PDB file of N, CA and C in Angstrom:
ATOM      1  N   MET A   1      33.827  42.734 -29.107  1.00  0.00           N
ATOM      2  CA  MET A   1      32.238  42.924 -29.766  1.00  0.00           C
ATOM      3  C   MET A   1      31.744  41.075 -30.241  1.00  0.00           C
ATOM      4  N   ALA A   2      32.075  40.865 -29.257  1.00  0.00           N
ATOM      5  CA  ALA A   2      31.686  39.503 -29.845  1.00  0.00           C
ATOM      6  C   ALA A   2      30.507  39.396 -28.900  1.00  0.00           C
ATOM      7  N   VAL A   3      29.414  39.013 -30.188  1.00  0.00           N
ATOM      8  CA  VAL A   3      28.080  38.362 -29.757  1.00  0.00           C
ATOM      9  C   VAL A   3      27.751  37.032 -29.598  1.00  0.00           C
ATOM     10  N   SER A   4      27.232  36.899 -28.550  1.00  0.00           N
ATOM     11  CA  SER A   4      26.883  35.517 -28.279  1.00  0.00           C
ATOM     12  C   SER A   4      25.695  34.798 -28.834  1.00  0.00           C
ATOM     13  N   LEU A   5      25.816  33.264 -29.887  1.00  0.00           N
ATOM     14  CA  LEU A   5      24.980  33.291 -30.309  1.00  0.00           C
ATOM     15  C   LEU A   5      23.529  33.431 -29.681  1.00  0.00           C
ATOM     16  N   SER A   6      23.690  32.961 -28.245  1.00  0.00           N
ATOM     17  CA  SER A   6      22.063  32.745 -27.523  1.00  0.00           C
ATOM     18  C   SER A   6      21.417  34.094 -27.952  1.00  0.00           C
ATOM     19  N   GLN A   7      22.309  35.241 -27.979  1.00  0.00           N
ATOM     20  CA  GLN A   7      21.518  36.872 -27.685  1.00  0.00           C
ATOM     21  C   GLN A   7      20.892  37.283 -29.590  1.00  0.00           C
ATOM     22  N   ALA A   8      21.480  36.287 -30.313  1.00  0.00           N
ATOM     23  CA  ALA A   8      21.932  37.261 -31.832  1.00  0.00           C
ATOM     24  C   ALA A   8      20.242  35.538 -31.971  1.00  0.00           C
ATOM     25  N   LYS A   9      19.758  34.822 -31.338  1.00  0.00           N
ATOM     26  CA  LYS A   9      19.280  34.286 -31.806  1.00  0.00           C
ATOM     27  C   LYS A   9      17.860  34.565 -31.271  1.00  0.00           C
ATOM     28  N   GLN A  10      17.952  35.375 -29.707  1.00  0.00           N
ATOM     29  CA  GLN A  10      16.503  35.635 -29.307  1.00  0.00           C
ATOM     30  C   GLN A  10      15.931  36.410 -29.763  1.00  0.00           C
ATOM     31  N   THR A  11      14.677  36.390 -30.744  1.00  0.00           N
ATOM     32  CA  THR A  11      14.728  37.263 -31.582  1.00  0.00           C
ATOM     33  C   THR A  11      12.905  37.170 -31.032  1.00  0.00           C
ATOM     34  N   PRO A  12      11.970  37.905 -30.819  1.00  0.00           N
ATOM     35  CA  PRO A  12      11.295  38.119 -30.170  1.00  0.00           C
ATOM     36  C   PRO A  12      10.015  37.708 -30.869  1.00  0.00           C
ATOM     37  N   PRO A  13       9.070  36.347 -30.498  1.00  0.00           N
ATOM     38  CA  PRO A  13       8.357  35.553 -30.977  1.00  0.00           C
ATOM     39  C   PRO A  13       7.528  36.261 -32.421  1.00  0.00           C
ATOM     40  N   LYS A  14       7.202  35.174 -32.765  1.00  0.00           N
ATOM     41  CA  LYS A  14       6.392  36.485 -34.039  1.00  0.00           C
ATOM     42  C   LYS A  14       5.135  35.662 -33.278  1.00  0.00           C
ATOM     43  N   ALA A  15       3.863  36.789 -33.797  1.00  0.00           N
ATOM     44  CA  ALA A  15       2.767  36.160 -33.276  1.00  0.00           C
ATOM     45  C   ALA A  15       1.939  35.740 -34.037  1.00  0.00           C
ATOM     46  N   THR A  16       1.409  34.250 -33.888  1.00  0.00           N
ATOM     47  CA  THR A  16       0.797  33.397 -34.722  1.00  0.00           C
ATOM     48  C   THR A  16      -0.919  33.782 -35.095  1.00  0.00           C
ATOM     49  N   PRO A  17      -1.344  33.546 -36.310  1.00  0.00           N
ATOM     50  CA  PRO A  17      -3.042  34.252 -35.602  1.00  0.00           C
ATOM     51  C   PRO A  17      -3.602  33.103 -34.641  1.00  0.00           C
ATOM     52  N   ALA A  18      -5.038  33.062 -34.378  1.00  0.00           N
ATOM     53  CA  ALA A  18      -5.583  32.308 -33.805  1.00  0.00           C
ATOM     54  C   ALA A  18      -6.108  31.589 -35.222  1.00  0.00           C
ATOM     55  N   LYS A  19      -5.371  30.217 -35.048  1.00  0.00           N
ATOM     56  CA  LYS A  19      -6.188  29.367 -35.451  1.00  0.00           C
ATOM     57  C   LYS A  19      -7.925  29.200 -36.096  1.00  0.00           C
ATOM     58  N   GLN A  20      -9.207  29.281 -36.982  1.00  0.00           N
ATOM     59  CA  GLN A  20      -9.790  29.161 -36.470  1.00  0.00           C
ATOM     60  C   GLN A  20     -10.722  27.571 -37.200  1.00  0.00           C
ATOM     61  N   LYS A  21     -11.215  27.232 -36.265  1.00  0.00           N
ATOM     62  CA  LYS A  21     -11.862  25.602 -36.519  1.00  0.00           C
ATOM     63  C   LYS A  21     -12.359  25.735 -37.843  1.00  0.00           C
ATOM     64  N   GLY A  22     -11.585  24.876 -39.126  1.00  0.00           N
ATOM     65  CA  GLY A  22     -12.338  24.908 -40.030  1.00  0.00           C
ATOM     66  C   GLY A  22     -13.250  23.859 -39.749  1.00  0.00           C
ATOM     67  N   PRO A  23     -13.435  22.780 -41.518  1.00  0.00           N
ATOM     68  CA  PRO A  23     -14.605  22.410 -41.873  1.00  0.00           C
ATOM     69  C   PRO A  23     -13.792  20.556 -41.215  1.00  0.00           C
ATOM     70  N   ALA A  24     -14.472  19.753 -40.729  1.00  0.00           N
ATOM     71  CA  ALA A  24     -13.803  18.376 -40.406  1.00  0.00           C
ATOM     72  C   ALA A  24     -13.199  17.861 -41.740  1.00  0.00           C
ATOM     73  N   GLN A  25     -12.851  16.231 -41.258  1.00  0.00           N
ATOM     74  CA  GLN A  25     -12.375  16.197 -42.558  1.00  0.00           C
ATOM     75  C   GLN A  25     -13.013  15.788 -43.995  1.00  0.00           C
ATOM     76  N   ASN A  26     -12.357  15.600 -44.875  1.00  0.00           N
ATOM     77  CA  ASN A  26     -12.801  15.789 -46.185  1.00  0.00           C
ATOM     78  C   ASN A  26     -14.553  17.054 -46.146  1.00  0.00           C
ATOM     79  N   GLY A  27     -14.250  17.562 -45.494  1.00  0.00           N
ATOM     80  CA  GLY A  27     -14.898  19.359 -45.655  1.00  0.00           C
ATOM     81  C   GLY A  27     -16.164  19.238 -45.329  1.00  0.00           C
ATOM     82  N   LYS A  28     -16.280  18.329 -44.328  1.00  0.00           N
ATOM     83  CA  LYS A  28     -17.748  18.297 -44.158  1.00  0.00           C
ATOM     84  C   LYS A  28     -17.213  18.343 -42.521  1.00  0.00           C
ATOM     85  N   ASN A  29     -18.883  19.491 -41.979  1.00  0.00           N
ATOM     86  CA  ASN A  29     -19.039  19.945 -40.452  1.00  0.00           C
ATOM     87  C   ASN A  29     -20.073  18.724 -39.994  1.00  0.00           C
ATOM     88  N   SER A  30     -19.379  18.528 -38.727  1.00  0.00           N
ATOM     89  CA  SER A  30     -20.508  17.761 -38.163  1.00  0.00           C
ATOM     90  C   SER A  30     -22.245  17.808 -37.665  1.00  0.00           C
ATOM     91  N   ALA A  31     -21.801  19.168 -37.518  1.00  0.00           N
ATOM     92  CA  ALA A  31     -23.514  19.254 -38.085  1.00  0.00           C
ATOM     93  C   ALA A  31     -24.102  19.542 -39.060  1.00  0.00           C
ATOM     94  N   PRO A  32     -24.946  19.494 -38.971  1.00  0.00           N
ATOM     95  CA  PRO A  32     -25.772  18.701 -40.535  1.00  0.00           C
ATOM     96  C   PRO A  32     -26.817  20.071 -40.694  1.00  0.00           C
ATOM     97  N   SER A  33     -26.651  20.167 -42.825  1.00  0.00           N
ATOM     98  CA  SER A  33     -27.168  21.663 -42.583  1.00  0.00           C
ATOM     99  C   SER A  33     -28.147  21.765 -43.132  1.00  0.00           C
ATOM    100  N   THR A  34     -28.714  20.694 -42.812  1.00  0.00           N
ATOM    101  CA  THR A  34     -30.058  21.158 -43.636  1.00  0.00           C
ATOM    102  C   THR A  34     -30.664  20.322 -41.730  1.00  0.00           C
ATOM    103  N   PRO A  35     -31.707  20.562 -41.605  1.00  0.00           N
ATOM    104  CA  PRO A  35     -32.381  19.952 -40.722  1.00  0.00           C
ATOM    105  C   PRO A  35     -33.486  18.436 -41.032  1.00  0.00           C
ATOM    106  N   ALA A  36     -32.733  17.416 -39.719  1.00  0.00           N
ATOM    107  CA  ALA A  36     -33.223  16.369 -39.709  1.00  0.00           C
ATOM    108  C   ALA A  36     -35.009  16.633 -40.278  1.00  0.00           C
ATOM    109  N   SER A  37     -35.110  15.053 -41.128  1.00  0.00           N
ATOM    110  CA  SER A  37     -36.772  15.646 -41.712  1.00  0.00           C
ATOM    111  C   SER A  37     -37.175  14.369 -40.855  1.00  0.00           C
ATOM    112  N   LYS A  38     -38.530  14.478 -40.450  1.00  0.00           N
ATOM    113  CA  LYS A  38     -39.277  13.500 -39.433  1.00  0.00           C
ATOM    114  C   LYS A  38     -40.768  13.143 -40.717  1.00  0.00           C
ATOM    115  N   PRO A  39     -40.150  11.183 -40.153  1.00  0.00           N
ATOM    116  CA  PRO A  39     -40.695  10.581 -41.137  1.00  0.00           C
ATOM    117  C   PRO A  39     -42.186  10.940 -41.057  1.00  0.00           C
ATOM    118  N   THR A  40     -42.888  10.707 -42.409  1.00  0.00           N
ATOM    119  CA  THR A  40     -44.022  10.937 -42.514  1.00  0.00           C
ATOM    120  C   THR A  40     -44.638   9.491 -42.370  1.00  0.00           C
ATOM    121  N   PRO A  41     -45.523   9.725 -41.423  1.00  0.00           N
ATOM    122  CA  PRO A  41     -46.497   8.826 -41.105  1.00  0.00           C
ATOM    123  C   PRO A  41     -47.959   7.527 -41.710  1.00  0.00           C
ATOM    124  N   LYS A  42     -47.823   6.864 -42.734  1.00  0.00           N
ATOM    125  CA  LYS A  42     -48.396   6.033 -43.998  1.00  0.00           C
ATOM    126  C   LYS A  42     -49.196   5.831 -43.031  1.00  0.00           C
ATOM    127  N   GLY A  43     -50.586   5.821 -43.929  1.00  0.00           N
ATOM    128  CA  GLY A  43     -51.901   5.819 -43.257  1.00  0.00           C
ATOM    129  C   GLY A  43     -51.690   4.735 -44.020  1.00  0.00           C
ATOM    130  N   LYS A  44     -52.717   3.541 -42.831  1.00  0.00           N
ATOM    131  CA  LYS A  44     -53.027   2.064 -43.389  1.00  0.00           C
ATOM    132  C   LYS A  44     -54.480   1.999 -44.807  1.00  0.00           C
ATOM    133  N   GLY A  45     -54.967   3.651 -43.989  1.00  0.00           N
ATOM    134  CA  GLY A  45     -56.843   2.838 -45.128  1.00  0.00           C
ATOM    135  C   GLY A  45     -56.083   3.736 -46.971  1.00  0.00           C
ATOM    136  N   GLU A  46     -54.786   3.802 -46.520  1.00  0.00           N
ATOM    137  CA  GLU A  46     -54.483   4.771 -48.736  1.00  0.00           C
ATOM    138  C   GLU A  46     -54.213   3.882 -49.544  1.00  0.00           C
ATOM    139  N   LYS A  47     -53.945   2.131 -48.627  1.00  0.00           N
ATOM    140  CA  LYS A  47     -53.167   1.349 -49.930  1.00  0.00           C
ATOM    141  C   LYS A  47     -54.315   1.458 -51.308  1.00  0.00           C
ATOM    142  N   THR A  48     -53.793   1.509 -52.750  1.00  0.00           N
ATOM    143  CA  THR A  48     -54.514   1.233 -53.599  1.00  0.00           C
ATOM    144  C   THR A  48     -54.459  -0.154 -54.192  1.00  0.00           C
ATOM    145  N   PRO A  49     -55.689  -0.891 -54.871  1.00  0.00           N
ATOM    146  CA  PRO A  49     -55.711  -1.908 -55.142  1.00  0.00           C
ATOM    147  C   PRO A  49     -54.929  -2.241 -55.924  1.00  0.00           C
ATOM    148  N   LYS A  50     -54.384  -3.181 -56.095  1.00  0.00           N
ATOM    149  CA  LYS A  50     -53.288  -3.811 -56.995  1.00  0.00           C
ATOM    150  C   LYS A  50     -54.483  -4.738 -58.267  1.00  0.00           C
ATOM    151  N   THR A  51     -54.091  -4.090 -59.407  1.00  0.00           N
ATOM    152  CA  THR A  51     -55.035  -5.170 -60.120  1.00  0.00           C
ATOM    153  C   THR A  51     -54.157  -6.760 -60.483  1.00  0.00           C
ATOM    154  N   PRO A  52     -55.121  -7.769 -60.530  1.00  0.00           N
ATOM    155  CA  PRO A  52     -54.012  -9.086 -60.814  1.00  0.00           C
ATOM    156  C   PRO A  52     -53.438  -8.843 -61.890  1.00  0.00           C
ATOM    157  N   ALA A  53     -52.227  -9.609 -61.780  1.00  0.00           N
ATOM    158  CA  ALA A  53     -51.641 -10.051 -62.975  1.00  0.00           C
ATOM    159  C   ALA A  53     -51.757 -11.147 -64.214  1.00  0.00           C
ATOM    160  N   THR A  54     -52.394 -10.460 -64.890  1.00  0.00           N
ATOM    161  CA  THR A  54     -53.061 -11.224 -66.255  1.00  0.00           C
ATOM    162  C   THR A  54     -52.535 -12.243 -66.665  1.00  0.00           C
ATOM    163  N   PRO A  55     -52.685 -13.420 -66.324  1.00  0.00           N
ATOM    164  CA  PRO A  55     -52.126 -15.261 -66.978  1.00  0.00           C
ATOM    165  C   PRO A  55     -51.553 -14.530 -68.109  1.00  0.00           C
ATOM    166  N   LYS A  56     -50.449 -15.154 -68.926  1.00  0.00           N
ATOM    167  CA  LYS A  56     -49.516 -16.176 -69.619  1.00  0.00           C
ATOM    168  C   LYS A  56     -50.688 -16.653 -70.473  1.00  0.00           C
ATOM    169  N   VAL A  57     -51.451 -16.739 -71.841  1.00  0.00           N
ATOM    170  CA  VAL A  57     -51.465 -17.620 -72.472  1.00  0.00           C
ATOM    171  C   VAL A  57     -51.388 -18.629 -73.123  1.00  0.00           C
ATOM    172  N   ASN A  58     -50.832 -19.371 -72.837  1.00  0.00           N
ATOM    173  CA  ASN A  58     -49.823 -20.770 -74.188  1.00  0.00           C
ATOM    174  C   ASN A  58     -50.738 -20.108 -75.012  1.00  0.00           C
ATOM    175  N   LEU A  59     -49.776 -20.350 -76.301  1.00  0.00           N
ATOM    176  CA  LEU A  59     -50.687 -20.457 -77.362  1.00  0.00           C
ATOM    177  C   LEU A  59     -49.752 -21.508 -78.420  1.00  0.00           C
ATOM    178  N   THR A  60     -50.938 -22.131 -79.297  1.00  0.00           N
ATOM    179  CA  THR A  60     -50.738 -23.384 -79.923  1.00  0.00           C
ATOM    180  C   THR A  60     -49.772 -22.808 -81.098  1.00  0.00           C
ATOM    181  N   LEU A  61     -48.617 -23.882 -81.449  1.00  0.00           N
ATOM    182  CA  LEU A  61     -48.624 -24.149 -82.657  1.00  0.00           C
ATOM    183  C   LEU A  61     -49.401 -23.581 -83.589  1.00  0.00           C
ATOM    184  N   PRO A  62     -49.814 -23.432 -84.000  1.00  0.00           N
ATOM    185  CA  PRO A  62     -50.195 -22.640 -85.271  1.00  0.00           C
ATOM    186  C   PRO A  62     -50.117 -21.222 -84.689  1.00  0.00           C
ATOM    187  N   GLU A  63     -49.786 -20.663 -84.301  1.00  0.00           N
ATOM    188  CA  GLU A  63     -50.114 -19.124 -83.772  1.00  0.00           C
ATOM    189  C   GLU A  63     -48.571 -18.865 -83.115  1.00  0.00           C
ATOM    190  N   ILE A  64     -48.038 -19.703 -82.916  1.00  0.00           N
ATOM    191  CA  ILE A  64     -46.512 -19.590 -82.450  1.00  0.00           C
ATOM    192  C   ILE A  64     -45.441 -20.194 -84.184  1.00  0.00           C
ATOM    193  N   LYS A  65     -46.456 -20.356 -85.079  1.00  0.00           N
ATOM    194  CA  LYS A  65     -46.060 -20.647 -86.279  1.00  0.00           C
ATOM    195  C   LYS A  65     -46.254 -18.821 -86.767  1.00  0.00           C
ATOM    196  N   ALA A  66     -47.490 -18.648 -87.001  1.00  0.00           N
ATOM    197  CA  ALA A  66     -48.162 -17.534 -87.860  1.00  0.00           C
ATOM    198  C   ALA A  66     -47.334 -16.292 -87.199  1.00  0.00           C
ATOM    199  N   LYS A  67     -46.479 -16.077 -85.975  1.00  0.00           N
ATOM    200  CA  LYS A  67     -45.864 -14.863 -85.262  1.00  0.00           C
ATOM    201  C   LYS A  67     -44.568 -14.995 -85.831  1.00  0.00           C
ATOM    202  N   MET A  68     -43.471 -16.358 -86.035  1.00  0.00           N
ATOM    203  CA  MET A  68     -42.920 -16.465 -86.446  1.00  0.00           C
ATOM    204  C   MET A  68     -43.038 -16.094 -88.048  1.00  0.00           C
ATOM    205  N   MET A  69     -43.655 -16.378 -88.825  1.00  0.00           N
ATOM    206  CA  MET A  69     -43.976 -16.119 -90.268  1.00  0.00           C
ATOM    207  C   MET A  69     -44.009 -14.326 -90.178  1.00  0.00           C
ATOM    208  N   GLU A  70     -44.434 -13.620 -89.465  1.00  0.00           N
ATOM    209  CA  GLU A  70     -45.005 -12.146 -89.296  1.00  0.00           C
ATOM    210  C   GLU A  70     -43.894 -11.480 -89.533  1.00  0.00           C
ATOM    211  N   SER A  71     -42.466 -12.066 -88.351  1.00  0.00           N
ATOM    212  CA  SER A  71     -41.356 -11.730 -88.100  1.00  0.00           C
ATOM    213  C   SER A  71     -40.495 -11.721 -88.992  1.00  0.00           C
ATOM    214  N   VAL A  72     -40.258 -12.775 -89.943  1.00  0.00           N
ATOM    215  CA  VAL A  72     -39.865 -13.368 -91.136  1.00  0.00           C
ATOM    216  C   VAL A  72     -39.791 -12.279 -92.065  1.00  0.00           C
ATOM    217  N   LYS A  73     -41.209 -11.995 -92.371  1.00  0.00           N
ATOM    218  CA  LYS A  73     -41.843 -10.973 -93.206  1.00  0.00           C
ATOM    219  C   LYS A  73     -40.879  -9.375 -92.638  1.00  0.00           C
ATOM    220  N   LYS A  74     -41.107  -9.094 -91.600  1.00  0.00           N
ATOM    221  CA  LYS A  74     -40.150  -8.062 -90.946  1.00  0.00           C
ATOM    222  C   LYS A  74     -39.414  -7.474 -90.849  1.00  0.00           C
ATOM    223  N   GLY A  75     -38.162  -8.986 -91.216  1.00  0.00           N
ATOM    224  CA  GLY A  75     -36.619  -9.141 -91.547  1.00  0.00           C
ATOM    225  C   GLY A  75     -36.135  -9.521 -90.311  1.00  0.00           C
ATOM    226  N   ILE A  76     -37.012 -10.444 -89.516  1.00  0.00           N
ATOM    227  CA  ILE A  76     -36.288 -10.699 -88.598  1.00  0.00           C
ATOM    228  C   ILE A  76     -36.292 -12.088 -88.676  1.00  0.00           C
ATOM    229  N   THR A  77     -34.316 -12.491 -88.818  1.00  0.00           N
ATOM    230  CA  THR A  77     -34.299 -13.528 -89.098  1.00  0.00           C
ATOM    231  C   THR A  77     -34.475 -14.836 -87.534  1.00  0.00           C
ATOM    232  N   LEU A  78     -34.551 -16.061 -88.330  1.00  0.00           N
ATOM    233  CA  LEU A  78     -34.397 -17.189 -87.259  1.00  0.00           C
ATOM    234  C   LEU A  78     -33.575 -17.927 -87.550  1.00  0.00           C
ATOM    235  N   PRO A  79     -32.778 -18.120 -85.779  1.00  0.00           N
ATOM    236  CA  PRO A  79     -31.384 -18.942 -86.176  1.00  0.00           C
ATOM    237  C   PRO A  79     -31.391 -19.939 -86.387  1.00  0.00           C
ATOM    238  N   LYS A  80     -30.678 -20.401 -87.588  1.00  0.00           N
ATOM    239  CA  LYS A  80     -30.077 -21.658 -87.696  1.00  0.00           C
ATOM    240  C   LYS A  80     -29.477 -22.441 -86.929  1.00  0.00           C
ATOM    241  N   ALA A  81     -29.246 -22.673 -85.902  1.00  0.00           N
ATOM    242  CA  ALA A  81     -28.047 -23.668 -84.862  1.00  0.00           C
ATOM    243  C   ALA A  81     -29.622 -24.295 -83.937  1.00  0.00           C
ATOM    244  N   GLN A  82     -30.199 -25.419 -84.024  1.00  0.00           N
ATOM    245  CA  GLN A  82     -30.762 -25.684 -82.878  1.00  0.00           C
ATOM    246  C   GLN A  82     -31.018 -25.571 -81.082  1.00  0.00           C
ATOM    247  N   PRO A  83     -29.659 -24.916 -80.726  1.00  0.00           N
ATOM    248  CA  PRO A  83     -29.779 -25.056 -79.644  1.00  0.00           C
ATOM    249  C   PRO A  83     -29.953 -23.075 -79.356  1.00  0.00           C
ATOM    250  N   LYS A  84     -30.011 -22.254 -80.429  1.00  0.00           N
ATOM    251  CA  LYS A  84     -30.231 -20.703 -80.062  1.00  0.00           C
ATOM    252  C   LYS A  84     -31.491 -20.694 -80.859  1.00  0.00           C
ATOM    253  N   PHE A  85     -32.089 -21.731 -81.533  1.00  0.00           N
ATOM    254  CA  PHE A  85     -33.662 -22.249 -81.711  1.00  0.00           C
ATOM    255  C   PHE A  85     -34.236 -22.402 -80.746  1.00  0.00           C
ATOM    256  N   GLU A  86     -33.884 -22.700 -79.838  1.00  0.00           N
ATOM    257  CA  GLU A  86     -34.774 -23.442 -78.323  1.00  0.00           C
ATOM    258  C   GLU A  86     -34.547 -22.745 -77.667  1.00  0.00           C
ATOM    259  N   ASN A  87     -33.530 -21.963 -77.792  1.00  0.00           N
ATOM    260  CA  ASN A  87     -33.875 -20.731 -76.638  1.00  0.00           C
ATOM    261  C   ASN A  87     -34.794 -19.401 -77.266  1.00  0.00           C
ATOM    262  N   PHE A  88     -34.208 -18.632 -78.247  1.00  0.00           N
ATOM    263  CA  PHE A  88     -35.316 -18.138 -79.073  1.00  0.00           C
ATOM    264  C   PHE A  88     -36.844 -18.133 -78.948  1.00  0.00           C
ATOM    265  N   VAL A  89     -36.874 -19.185 -78.630  1.00  0.00           N
ATOM    266  CA  VAL A  89     -38.369 -19.347 -79.016  1.00  0.00           C
ATOM    267  C   VAL A  89     -38.790 -19.843 -77.387  1.00  0.00           C
ATOM    268  N   LYS A  90     -38.055 -20.569 -76.341  1.00  0.00           N
ATOM    269  CA  LYS A  90     -38.374 -20.461 -75.038  1.00  0.00           C
ATOM    270  C   LYS A  90     -38.845 -19.246 -74.644  1.00  0.00           C
ATOM    271  N   HIS A  91     -37.832 -18.585 -74.715  1.00  0.00           N
ATOM    272  CA  HIS A  91     -37.468 -17.203 -74.012  1.00  0.00           C
ATOM    273  C   HIS A  91     -38.369 -15.651 -74.931  1.00  0.00           C
ATOM    274  N   GLY A  92     -38.578 -15.985 -76.375  1.00  0.00           N
ATOM    275  CA  GLY A  92     -38.668 -15.051 -77.514  1.00  0.00           C
ATOM    276  C   GLY A  92     -40.334 -15.215 -77.381  1.00  0.00           C
ATOM    277  N   HIS A  93     -41.041 -16.355 -77.440  1.00  0.00           N
ATOM    278  CA  HIS A  93     -42.367 -17.030 -77.499  1.00  0.00           C
ATOM    279  C   HIS A  93     -43.057 -17.647 -76.444  1.00  0.00           C
ATOM    280  N   ASN A  94     -42.248 -17.829 -74.925  1.00  0.00           N
ATOM    281  CA  ASN A  94     -42.595 -18.297 -73.530  1.00  0.00           C
ATOM    282  C   ASN A  94     -43.209 -19.743 -74.161  1.00  0.00           C
ATOM    283  N   VAL A  95     -42.223 -20.234 -74.367  1.00  0.00           N
ATOM    284  CA  VAL A  95     -42.980 -21.954 -74.783  1.00  0.00           C
ATOM    285  C   VAL A  95     -41.911 -22.715 -73.873  1.00  0.00           C
ATOM    286  N   SER A  96     -42.472 -23.594 -73.164  1.00  0.00           N
ATOM    287  CA  SER A  96     -41.587 -24.240 -72.704  1.00  0.00           C
ATOM    288  C   SER A  96     -41.690 -26.088 -72.676  1.00  0.00           C
ATOM    289  N   ASP A  97     -42.348 -26.172 -73.576  1.00  0.00           N
ATOM    290  CA  ASP A  97     -43.043 -27.981 -73.624  1.00  0.00           C
ATOM    291  C   ASP A  97     -41.945 -28.379 -74.794  1.00  0.00           C
ATOM    292  N   PRO A  98     -41.182 -29.599 -74.370  1.00  0.00           N
ATOM    293  CA  PRO A  98     -40.007 -29.409 -74.985  1.00  0.00           C
ATOM    294  C   PRO A  98     -40.881 -30.391 -76.649  1.00  0.00           C
ATOM    295  N   LYS A  99     -41.734 -30.710 -76.830  1.00  0.00           N
ATOM    296  CA  LYS A  99     -41.959 -31.751 -77.679  1.00  0.00           C
ATOM    297  C   LYS A  99     -42.574 -30.323 -79.165  1.00  0.00           C
ATOM    298  N   VAL A 100     -42.939 -29.304 -78.433  1.00  0.00           N
ATOM    299  CA  VAL A 100     -43.540 -28.082 -78.724  1.00  0.00           C
ATOM    300  C   VAL A 100     -42.137 -27.599 -79.418  1.00  0.00           C
ATOM    301  N   ILE A 101     -41.198 -27.233 -78.478  1.00  0.00           N
ATOM    302  CA  ILE A 101     -39.858 -26.803 -79.375  1.00  0.00           C
ATOM    303  C   ILE A 101     -39.683 -27.772 -80.554  1.00  0.00           C
ATOM    304  N   ALA A 102     -39.235 -29.094 -80.286  1.00  0.00           N
ATOM    305  CA  ALA A 102     -39.322 -29.733 -81.049  1.00  0.00           C
ATOM    306  C   ALA A 102     -39.831 -30.381 -82.640  1.00  0.00           C
ATOM    307  N   GLU A 103     -41.210 -29.903 -81.932  1.00  0.00           N
ATOM    308  CA  GLU A 103     -42.653 -29.592 -83.535  1.00  0.00           C
ATOM    309  C   GLU A 103     -41.875 -28.829 -84.292  1.00  0.00           C
ATOM    310  N   LEU A 104     -41.650 -26.766 -83.849  1.00  0.00           N
ATOM    311  CA  LEU A 104     -41.197 -26.087 -84.120  1.00  0.00           C
ATOM    312  C   LEU A 104     -40.028 -26.503 -85.070  1.00  0.00           C
ATOM    313  N   TRP A 105     -39.049 -26.503 -84.052  1.00  0.00           N
ATOM    314  CA  TRP A 105     -37.886 -26.762 -84.988  1.00  0.00           C
ATOM    315  C   TRP A 105     -37.969 -27.517 -86.087  1.00  0.00           C
ATOM    316  N   LYS A 106     -38.762 -28.646 -86.630  1.00  0.00           N
ATOM    317  CA  LYS A 106     -38.793 -29.675 -87.552  1.00  0.00           C
ATOM    318  C   LYS A 106     -38.988 -28.140 -88.830  1.00  0.00           C
ATOM    319  N   TRP A 107     -40.412 -27.494 -88.206  1.00  0.00           N
ATOM    320  CA  TRP A 107     -41.013 -26.303 -89.099  1.00  0.00           C
ATOM    321  C   TRP A 107     -40.285 -25.310 -90.189  1.00  0.00           C
ATOM    322  N   ARG A 108     -38.923 -25.051 -88.656  1.00  0.00           N
ATOM    323  CA  ARG A 108     -38.008 -24.272 -89.386  1.00  0.00           C
ATOM    324  C   ARG A 108     -37.145 -23.865 -90.489  1.00  0.00           C
ATOM    325  N   GLN A 109     -36.762 -26.071 -90.221  1.00  0.00           N
ATOM    326  CA  GLN A 109     -35.800 -26.930 -91.263  1.00  0.00           C
ATOM    327  C   GLN A 109     -36.685 -26.673 -92.295  1.00  0.00           C
ATOM    328  N   SER A 110     -37.899 -26.998 -92.483  1.00  0.00           N
ATOM    329  CA  SER A 110     -38.868 -27.216 -93.705  1.00  0.00           C
ATOM    330  C   SER A 110     -38.819 -25.276 -94.834  1.00  0.00           C
ATOM    331  N   LEU A 111     -39.037 -24.502 -93.574  1.00  0.00           N
ATOM    332  CA  LEU A 111     -38.270 -23.476 -93.770  1.00  0.00           C
ATOM    333  C   LEU A 111     -37.339 -22.625 -95.024  1.00  0.00           C
ATOM    334  N   LYS A 112     -36.499 -23.454 -94.294  1.00  0.00           N
ATOM    335  CA  LYS A 112     -35.142 -23.315 -94.417  1.00  0.00           C
ATOM    336  C   LYS A 112     -34.839 -23.691 -96.320  1.00  0.00           C
ATOM    337  N   ASP A 113     -35.877 -24.937 -96.245  1.00  0.00           N
ATOM    338  CA  ASP A 113     -35.887 -25.832 -97.480  1.00  0.00           C
ATOM    339  C   ASP A 113     -36.100 -24.891 -99.119  1.00  0.00           C
ATOM    340  N   GLU A 114     -37.270 -23.753 -98.221  1.00  0.00           N
ATOM    341  CA  GLU A 114     -37.846 -23.713 -99.512  1.00  0.00           C
ATOM    342  C   GLU A 114     -37.519 -22.167 -99.477  1.00  0.00           C
ATOM    343  N   LYS A 115     -36.487 -21.933 -98.767  1.00  0.00           N
ATOM    344  CA  LYS A 115     -35.460 -20.524 -99.206  1.00  0.00           C
ATOM    345  C   LYS A 115     -35.081 -21.051-100.179  1.00  0.00           C
TER     346      LYS A 115
END
């Protein structure tokens, strides 16, 4: 009663369920989920007139000193190193003239002595 190996392994093949086509890689479908939007035509007559930028008014030396004194009274300390003070004046008060910056530095030095 020897059963051959070929007969023992011949089991009826299992029915595999038909694979459904799932979403593509990374869960993205090839078809977009929302309909494509059409670009809206822009009318040329709908432009709003832009107001011109107001020009920056260069402040005079006494005005800059007054603004700095107000900030000192509010509790803001002025930079004590000359390079940092120059940067503060250039960017904080929009001063680009080196003569004005030098004059303000001298003024700042005199403030230091008074305190």
